[in-house]
Amino acid sequence: MTRPIRVLVVDDSALMRKLLTELLASDPAIEVVGAVADPFQARDLIKATSPDVLTLDVEMPRMDGLTFLRNLMRLRPMPVVMVSSLTESSADVTLAALELGAFDFVTKPRLDLARGLSAVARDIVAKVKAAAASRARPRPRAPRRPGPPVAVRSIDAVRLTDQVIAIGASTGGTEAIAEVLRGLPADAPGVVIVQHIPPEFSRRFAARLDRDSALSVREAQDGDEVLVGHAYIAPGDRHLRIVRSGARWQCRLGTEPPVSGHRPSADVLFESVAQHAGRNAIGVLLTGMGVDGARGLGAMREAGAVTIAQDRDSSVVWGMPGEAVKRGAASEVVALGDVAGRLVTLNRRAA
């Protein structure tokens, strides 16, 4: 019999500790070995119980969650699922935690904590189980690649894109996307991106990418033209599509029901790219849980686009890209560190 996944809950809220403990312990595959109020207690219990996964509150007393996570990933790397409030400040801290090596995050409901957590129980349990199966590793930040001065935009920055790069990602995707964009030059084709992320986080995520790459990155708005040197992040809870309008590609946002369990959905984006851009596009499916994007990537390949799936070894979770490979949707399987270079090479060939 396989032993249960041992989880340590770290949260300064007694109610949150109680609810998370009950929620996780209700799954027979999970054993909660402890629930503590601060990182100092967590440090002692980690030594005593050797948990497989840690759930960690973003905002902690005595030592903030980021400081504790940084020390943990340096001294005893282990899978960590962050627990975050739906606020802009928490979004920044959570994104920084993912950069430091946290596996993923879950968000606390704004109101009626017990009922709200119950509604997302399946997601929380799935993330803890996936975290236990992952390989915890710090993610050293790659150096920023120099781009042109931000104050002066070349004419390329306002011309319409000749080619479209479409990227989909989920768990582990915030850092995977950041690494890909850091490797792209300022005159790269327009990039449209779906990352499974809450509404309160997507704008902050786009702002962080904008500061850290040579591209101009923004949260997509309905009607945005897809321009050279620009990247567009799907807003949380909105589907992102591209449509052809004369010689132009434009972003279209929608509130249709979730597809493949998600809104935004990579399948929705990729299928629109297949329909409107065809062979003038490149599809990239990065790390993530589930199957979203595999079908759409297949549609892009059938339409003549080059399609890339991240390889197993460099993926935090090889769910989405693995499903694409299984279905034959990926024309290439590429390590994360090589994706940007491959996109640059493919764009040059198309020019």
Protein backbone atom coordinates (compact mmCIF):
# COMPACT_ATOMS: atom_id res chain seq x y z
CA MET A 1 0.00 0.00 0.00
CA THR A 2 1.35 3.42 -1.00
CA ARG A 3 1.89 5.68 1.98
CA PRO A 4 -0.17 8.89 2.05
CA ILE A 5 1.24 12.26 1.05
CA ARG A 6 2.44 14.03 4.20
CA VAL A 7 1.40 17.69 4.28
CA LEU A 8 2.31 20.45 6.71
CA VAL A 9 -0.04 23.45 6.84
CA VAL A 10 1.50 26.82 7.74
CA ASP A 11 -0.96 29.70 8.22
CA ASP A 12 -1.36 32.39 10.86
CA SER A 13 -5.16 32.09 10.79
CA ALA A 14 -6.49 29.43 13.15
CA LEU A 15 -9.65 29.14 11.04
CA MET A 16 -7.66 28.69 7.86
CA ARG A 17 -5.47 26.04 9.49
CA LYS A 18 -8.56 24.17 10.65
CA LEU A 19 -10.32 24.35 7.27
CA LEU A 20 -7.26 23.39 5.24
CA THR A 21 -6.49 20.51 7.58
CA GLU A 22 -10.03 19.14 7.33
CA LEU A 23 -10.16 19.61 3.56
CA LEU A 24 -6.85 17.88 2.89
CA ALA A 25 -7.35 15.11 5.47
CA SER A 26 -10.69 14.20 3.85
CA ASP A 27 -8.70 12.67 0.97
CA PRO A 28 -7.40 9.21 1.91
CA ALA A 29 -4.24 9.81 -0.10
CA ILE A 30 -3.23 12.75 2.13
CA GLU A 31 -2.09 12.87 5.75
CA VAL A 32 -1.79 16.26 7.46
CA VAL A 33 1.20 15.89 9.79
CA GLY A 34 0.78 19.28 11.41
CA ALA A 35 -0.70 22.77 11.22
CA VAL A 36 1.30 25.68 12.65
CA ALA A 37 0.97 29.43 12.87
CA ASP A 38 4.39 30.72 11.80
CA PRO A 39 7.62 29.77 9.99
CA PHE A 40 9.58 29.18 13.21
CA GLN A 41 7.15 26.50 14.31
CA ALA A 42 7.16 25.17 10.74
CA ARG A 43 10.94 24.86 10.78
CA ASP A 44 10.85 22.64 13.86
CA LEU A 45 8.02 20.50 12.54
CA ILE A 46 9.68 20.03 9.16
CA LYS A 47 12.65 18.52 10.96
CA ALA A 48 10.40 16.30 13.10
CA THR A 49 7.94 15.07 10.44
CA SER A 50 9.69 15.34 7.04
CA PRO A 51 6.56 16.39 5.12
CA ASP A 52 6.26 15.83 1.37
CA VAL A 53 4.44 19.11 0.71
CA LEU A 54 4.08 22.42 2.54
CA THR A 55 1.14 24.80 2.22
CA LEU A 56 2.38 28.27 3.11
CA ASP A 57 0.48 31.47 3.76
CA VAL A 58 1.85 34.47 1.86
CA GLU A 59 1.52 36.86 4.81
CA MET A 60 3.05 35.42 7.99
CA PRO A 61 3.96 36.83 11.43
CA ARG A 62 7.53 36.93 12.80
CA MET A 63 8.97 35.99 9.38
CA ASP A 64 7.26 36.77 6.09
CA GLY A 65 6.41 33.94 3.72
CA LEU A 66 8.95 35.00 1.08
CA THR A 67 11.87 35.07 3.49
CA PHE A 68 10.91 31.66 4.84
CA LEU A 69 10.47 30.25 1.32
CA ARG A 70 13.83 31.63 0.21
CA ASN A 71 15.57 29.99 3.18
CA LEU A 72 13.65 26.74 2.71
CA MET A 73 14.52 26.41 -0.99
CA ARG A 74 18.17 27.08 -0.19
CA LEU A 75 18.50 24.72 2.78
CA ARG A 76 15.85 22.03 2.24
CA PRO A 77 14.07 22.30 -1.12
CA MET A 78 10.58 20.83 -1.04
CA PRO A 79 7.30 21.34 -2.92
CA VAL A 80 5.43 24.37 -1.58
CA VAL A 81 1.88 25.43 -2.44
CA MET A 82 1.35 29.08 -1.54
CA VAL A 83 -1.96 30.22 -0.06
CA SER A 84 -2.72 33.76 -1.21
CA SER A 85 -5.37 36.43 -0.74
CA LEU A 86 -7.00 37.96 -3.80
CA THR A 87 -5.31 41.35 -3.50
CA GLU A 88 -2.78 43.16 -5.66
CA SER A 89 -0.13 43.15 -2.93
CA SER A 90 -0.64 39.42 -2.39
CA ALA A 91 -0.44 38.90 -6.15
CA ASP A 92 3.02 40.50 -6.23
CA VAL A 93 4.23 38.38 -3.31
CA THR A 94 2.78 35.21 -4.82
CA LEU A 95 4.44 35.82 -8.17
CA ALA A 96 7.72 36.42 -6.36
CA ALA A 97 7.20 33.13 -4.49
CA LEU A 98 6.77 31.27 -7.77
CA GLU A 99 9.98 32.88 -8.95
CA LEU A 100 11.74 31.54 -5.84
CA GLY A 101 10.58 28.00 -6.52
CA ALA A 102 7.08 27.56 -5.07
CA PHE A 103 5.21 24.86 -6.97
CA ASP A 104 1.88 26.67 -7.33
CA PHE A 105 -0.65 28.69 -5.37
CA VAL A 106 -4.27 28.63 -4.28
CA THR A 107 -6.33 31.71 -3.45
CA LYS A 108 -8.40 32.32 -0.36
CA PRO A 109 -12.04 33.26 -0.98
CA ARG A 110 -12.90 36.86 -0.18
CA LEU A 111 -16.05 35.97 1.77
CA ASP A 112 -17.42 32.90 3.54
CA LEU A 113 -14.09 31.14 3.87
CA ALA A 114 -15.50 27.70 4.67
CA ARG A 115 -17.90 27.59 1.73
CA GLY A 116 -15.38 29.17 -0.61
CA LEU A 117 -12.67 26.63 0.20
CA SER A 118 -15.14 23.79 -0.16
CA ALA A 119 -15.94 25.01 -3.69
CA VAL A 120 -12.27 24.76 -4.72
CA ALA A 121 -11.44 21.68 -2.67
CA ARG A 122 -10.78 19.51 -5.71
CA ASP A 123 -8.33 22.07 -7.10
CA ILE A 124 -6.44 22.36 -3.81
CA VAL A 125 -6.16 18.59 -3.39
CA ALA A 126 -5.06 18.19 -7.03
CA LYS A 127 -2.33 20.79 -6.59
CA VAL A 128 -1.03 19.18 -3.40
CA LYS A 129 -0.92 15.77 -5.09
CA ALA A 130 0.82 17.19 -8.16
CA ALA A 131 3.29 19.02 -5.93
CA ALA A 132 4.13 15.76 -4.13
CA ALA A 133 4.89 14.13 -7.49
CA SER A 134 7.09 17.02 -8.65
CA ARG A 135 10.76 17.62 -8.11
CA ALA A 136 11.26 20.63 -5.84
CA ARG A 137 14.02 22.85 -7.09
CA PRO A 138 14.92 26.50 -6.63
CA ARG A 139 14.51 28.45 -9.84
CA PRO A 140 17.49 30.74 -10.21
CA ARG A 141 16.45 33.77 -12.13
CA ALA A 142 18.00 34.11 -15.55
CA PRO A 143 19.62 37.47 -16.22
CA ARG A 144 17.58 39.94 -18.18
CA ARG A 145 18.59 40.17 -21.81
CA PRO A 146 19.27 43.76 -22.79
CA GLY A 147 16.74 45.41 -25.04
CA PRO A 148 16.40 48.84 -26.64
CA PRO A 149 15.86 51.88 -24.41
CA VAL A 150 12.29 51.91 -23.21
CA ALA A 151 11.88 55.63 -23.85
CA VAL A 152 12.45 55.27 -27.61
CA ARG A 153 10.37 52.86 -29.66
CA SER A 154 11.59 51.86 -33.11
CA ILE A 155 9.17 51.87 -36.04
CA ASP A 156 9.02 48.07 -35.77
CA ALA A 157 7.25 48.46 -32.45
CA VAL A 158 4.18 49.92 -34.17
CA ARG A 159 3.96 47.85 -37.33
CA LEU A 160 1.61 44.93 -37.60
CA THR A 161 3.05 41.54 -36.90
CA ASP A 162 3.75 39.24 -39.85
CA GLN A 163 3.65 36.17 -37.66
CA VAL A 164 1.95 35.28 -34.38
CA ILE A 165 3.41 33.30 -31.49
CA ALA A 166 0.75 31.72 -29.24
CA ILE A 167 1.74 30.37 -25.81
CA GLY A 168 -0.30 28.37 -23.31
CA ALA A 169 0.75 27.36 -19.78
CA SER A 170 -0.53 26.52 -16.30
CA THR A 171 1.33 25.18 -13.24
CA GLY A 172 4.92 26.41 -13.39
CA GLY A 173 3.98 28.60 -16.33
CA THR A 174 4.59 32.03 -14.83
CA GLU A 175 8.33 31.39 -14.67
CA ALA A 176 8.40 29.38 -17.90
CA ILE A 177 6.73 32.23 -19.79
CA ALA A 178 9.09 34.75 -18.19
CA GLU A 179 12.10 32.72 -19.36
CA VAL A 180 10.78 32.48 -22.92
CA LEU A 181 10.00 36.20 -23.16
CA ARG A 182 13.39 37.16 -21.72
CA GLY A 183 14.98 35.33 -24.62
CA LEU A 184 13.02 37.14 -27.34
CA PRO A 185 14.34 40.28 -29.05
CA ALA A 186 12.46 43.57 -29.15
CA ASP A 187 11.45 42.99 -32.77
CA ALA A 188 9.95 39.55 -32.15
CA PRO A 189 6.56 38.75 -33.69
CA GLY A 190 3.49 39.56 -31.64
CA VAL A 191 2.91 37.08 -28.80
CA VAL A 192 -0.49 36.09 -27.38
CA ILE A 193 -0.47 34.19 -24.08
CA VAL A 194 -2.86 32.19 -21.93
CA GLN A 195 -1.68 31.44 -18.39
CA HIS A 196 -4.17 29.94 -15.96
CA ILE A 197 -4.28 32.71 -13.37
CA PRO A 198 -6.93 34.55 -11.30
CA PRO A 199 -8.26 37.94 -12.50
CA GLU A 200 -6.49 39.86 -9.74
CA PHE A 201 -3.14 38.38 -10.76
CA SER A 202 -3.03 38.69 -14.55
CA ARG A 203 -2.40 42.45 -14.73
CA ARG A 204 0.40 42.22 -12.14
CA PHE A 205 1.87 39.27 -14.03
CA ALA A 206 1.88 41.27 -17.28
CA ALA A 207 3.52 44.24 -15.53
CA ARG A 208 6.28 42.02 -14.15
CA LEU A 209 6.95 40.54 -17.58
CA ASP A 210 7.00 44.02 -19.10
CA ARG A 211 9.71 45.12 -16.64
CA ASP A 212 11.76 42.00 -17.27
CA SER A 213 11.86 41.59 -21.05
CA ALA A 214 12.66 43.57 -24.17
CA LEU A 215 9.05 43.20 -25.32
CA SER A 216 6.19 45.51 -24.42
CA VAL A 217 3.92 43.26 -22.35
CA ARG A 218 0.38 44.12 -21.30
CA GLU A 219 -2.84 42.51 -20.20
CA ALA A 220 -4.87 42.10 -23.38
CA GLN A 221 -7.85 44.35 -24.02
CA ASP A 222 -10.65 43.64 -26.44
CA GLY A 223 -9.73 45.05 -29.84
CA ASP A 224 -5.95 45.33 -29.23
CA GLU A 225 -3.99 45.06 -32.45
CA VAL A 226 -1.30 42.40 -32.34
CA LEU A 227 1.93 44.30 -32.97
CA VAL A 228 5.57 43.40 -33.49
CA GLY A 229 7.52 43.50 -30.23
CA HIS A 230 4.39 43.22 -28.09
CA ALA A 231 2.99 40.44 -25.92
CA TYR A 232 -0.59 40.17 -24.68
CA ILE A 233 -1.60 38.24 -21.54
CA ALA A 234 -5.17 36.90 -21.35
CA PRO A 235 -6.97 38.53 -18.40
CA GLY A 236 -7.93 36.12 -15.65
CA ASP A 237 -11.47 34.80 -16.22
CA ARG A 238 -11.56 35.92 -19.88
CA HIS A 239 -11.01 33.82 -22.98
CA LEU A 240 -8.51 35.31 -25.42
CA ARG A 241 -8.81 34.80 -29.17
CA ILE A 242 -7.27 36.43 -32.20
CA VAL A 243 -9.30 37.39 -35.26
CA ARG A 244 -8.33 38.69 -38.67
CA SER A 245 -9.50 42.17 -39.58
CA GLY A 246 -8.23 43.06 -43.04
CA ALA A 247 -4.44 43.03 -42.82
CA ARG A 248 -4.59 43.07 -39.03
CA TRP A 249 -4.84 40.57 -36.22
CA GLN A 250 -6.79 41.72 -33.21
CA CYS A 251 -7.38 40.38 -29.71
CA ARG A 252 -10.90 39.39 -28.77
CA LEU A 253 -11.96 38.69 -25.19
CA GLY A 254 -14.94 36.57 -24.18
CA THR A 255 -16.83 35.32 -21.13
CA GLU A 256 -18.10 32.06 -22.63
CA PRO A 257 -18.09 29.03 -20.29
CA PRO A 258 -14.74 27.45 -19.37
CA VAL A 259 -13.18 25.16 -21.96
CA SER A 260 -11.09 22.17 -20.86
CA GLY A 261 -11.95 23.36 -17.34
CA HIS A 262 -10.44 26.80 -17.74
CA ARG A 263 -11.18 30.41 -18.61
CA PRO A 264 -8.92 31.59 -20.11
CA SER A 265 -8.29 28.41 -22.05
CA ALA A 266 -5.26 27.64 -24.19
CA ASP A 267 -7.50 25.51 -26.43
CA VAL A 268 -9.66 28.56 -27.20
CA LEU A 269 -6.62 30.68 -28.04
CA PHE A 270 -4.88 28.03 -30.14
CA GLU A 271 -8.01 27.17 -32.11
CA SER A 272 -8.55 30.82 -33.01
CA VAL A 273 -4.91 31.09 -34.09
CA ALA A 274 -5.29 27.97 -36.23
CA GLN A 275 -8.37 29.44 -37.89
CA HIS A 276 -7.08 32.95 -38.53
CA ALA A 277 -3.28 32.66 -38.77
CA GLY A 278 -2.68 29.09 -39.95
CA ARG A 279 0.87 28.53 -41.11
CA ASN A 280 1.78 32.11 -40.14
CA ALA A 281 1.81 31.12 -36.48
CA ILE A 282 3.89 29.18 -33.98
CA GLY A 283 2.23 27.43 -31.05
CA VAL A 284 4.00 26.73 -27.75
CA LEU A 285 2.52 24.63 -24.95
CA LEU A 286 4.45 24.91 -21.70
CA THR A 287 4.30 23.21 -18.30
CA GLY A 288 0.93 22.70 -16.65
CA MET A 289 -1.56 20.32 -15.04
CA GLY A 290 -4.38 18.84 -17.09
CA VAL A 291 -4.98 18.69 -20.83
CA ASP A 292 -5.85 22.27 -21.80
CA GLY A 293 -4.11 23.32 -25.00
CA ALA A 294 -3.40 19.86 -26.41
CA ARG A 295 -6.44 19.84 -28.70
CA GLY A 296 -5.87 23.42 -29.82
CA LEU A 297 -2.19 22.80 -30.50
CA GLY A 298 -3.26 19.89 -32.71
CA ALA A 299 -5.56 22.24 -34.63
CA MET A 300 -2.64 24.62 -35.16
CA ARG A 301 -0.45 21.80 -36.46
CA GLU A 302 -3.18 20.68 -38.86
CA ALA A 303 -3.41 24.28 -40.09
CA GLY A 304 0.29 24.27 -40.99
CA ALA A 305 1.79 25.97 -37.94
CA VAL A 306 4.95 24.82 -36.20
CA THR A 307 3.93 23.52 -32.78
CA ILE A 308 6.25 23.16 -29.79
CA ALA A 309 5.72 21.29 -26.53
CA GLN A 310 8.01 21.75 -23.54
CA ASP A 311 9.91 18.56 -22.71
CA ARG A 312 9.32 16.46 -19.62
CA ASP A 313 12.63 17.15 -17.85
CA SER A 314 12.26 20.93 -17.85
CA SER A 315 8.52 20.96 -17.00
CA VAL A 316 7.29 21.49 -13.45
CA VAL A 317 4.31 19.33 -14.48
CA TRP A 318 4.31 17.50 -17.81
CA GLY A 319 0.53 17.33 -18.04
CA MET A 320 -0.49 19.75 -20.79
CA PRO A 321 2.63 19.41 -22.99
CA GLY A 322 2.72 15.67 -22.34
CA GLU A 323 -0.86 15.32 -23.54
CA ALA A 324 0.01 17.27 -26.68
CA VAL A 325 2.91 14.93 -27.38
CA LYS A 326 0.68 11.91 -26.74
CA ARG A 327 -1.87 13.20 -29.27
CA GLY A 328 0.74 14.01 -31.90
CA ALA A 329 -0.10 17.71 -31.65
CA ALA A 330 3.51 18.83 -31.19
CA SER A 331 5.81 18.94 -34.20
CA GLU A 332 8.75 19.56 -31.83
CA VAL A 333 9.54 18.79 -28.19
CA VAL A 334 11.97 21.36 -26.77
CA ALA A 335 13.60 22.02 -23.39
CA LEU A 336 12.45 25.26 -21.79
CA GLY A 337 15.87 26.86 -22.05
CA ASP A 338 15.87 26.34 -25.82
CA VAL A 339 12.34 27.53 -26.62
CA ALA A 340 13.17 31.23 -27.15
CA GLY A 341 16.11 30.42 -29.40
CA ARG A 342 13.95 28.08 -31.44
CA LEU A 343 11.29 30.78 -31.85
CA VAL A 344 13.92 33.26 -33.06
CA THR A 345 15.25 30.72 -35.58
CA LEU A 346 11.77 29.90 -36.90
CA ASN A 347 10.93 33.59 -37.28
CA ARG A 348 14.11 34.23 -39.27
CA ARG A 349 13.31 31.36 -41.60
CA ALA A 350 9.82 32.75 -42.17
CA ALA A 351 11.10 36.26 -42.89
